[in-house]
Protein backbone atom coordinates (compact mmCIF):
# COMPACT_ATOMS: atom_id res chain seq x y z
CA MET A 1 -10.44 -9.75 15.32
CA TYR A 2 -10.53 -12.26 12.44
CA ARG A 3 -7.44 -10.82 10.87
CA ALA A 4 -5.51 -11.13 14.20
CA LYS A 5 -6.51 -14.79 14.52
CA ARG A 6 -5.70 -15.58 10.90
CA ALA A 7 -2.27 -14.06 11.19
CA ALA A 8 -1.51 -15.94 14.35
CA LEU A 9 -2.44 -19.33 12.77
CA SER A 10 -0.72 -18.84 9.40
CA PRO A 11 2.99 -19.75 9.04
CA LYS A 12 5.36 -16.87 8.55
CA VAL A 13 6.15 -16.59 4.83
CA LYS A 14 8.92 -14.38 3.63
CA ARG A 15 8.05 -12.13 0.66
CA ARG A 16 10.36 -11.83 -2.35
CA VAL A 17 10.61 -8.92 -4.76
CA GLY A 18 12.88 -9.71 -7.65
CA LYS A 19 16.20 -10.98 -6.23
CA TYR A 20 15.44 -9.53 -2.69
CA GLU A 21 13.85 -11.32 0.26
CA LEU A 22 11.96 -8.80 2.41
CA GLY A 23 12.17 -8.92 6.18
CA ARG A 24 10.65 -6.91 8.98
CA THR A 25 9.54 -3.29 8.67
CA ILE A 26 12.28 -1.00 10.07
CA GLY A 27 10.54 2.45 9.47
CA GLU A 28 7.28 3.81 8.42
CA GLY A 29 6.20 7.28 7.19
CA THR A 30 3.23 8.98 5.63
CA PHE A 31 3.89 7.68 2.13
CA ALA A 32 5.95 4.52 2.52
CA LYS A 33 7.36 1.73 4.70
CA VAL A 34 11.05 0.92 4.84
CA ARG A 35 11.84 -2.84 5.11
CA PHE A 36 14.94 -4.81 5.75
CA ALA A 37 15.85 -6.77 2.54
CA LYS A 38 18.45 -9.34 1.76
CA ASN A 39 19.97 -9.76 -1.78
CA THR A 40 19.46 -13.48 -2.37
CA GLU A 41 22.02 -13.64 -5.31
CA ASN A 42 24.93 -12.73 -3.06
CA ASP A 43 24.48 -15.62 -0.57
């Protein structure tokens, strides 16, 4: 319950990995998640 409240109150922060900005999860399997990513160097 605490986690849900904390997530609702915190602003949405985009995560970056190297030159990529990660977005929403588009798939999930047993060993990994697949997330939408945008190359920030090509903007």
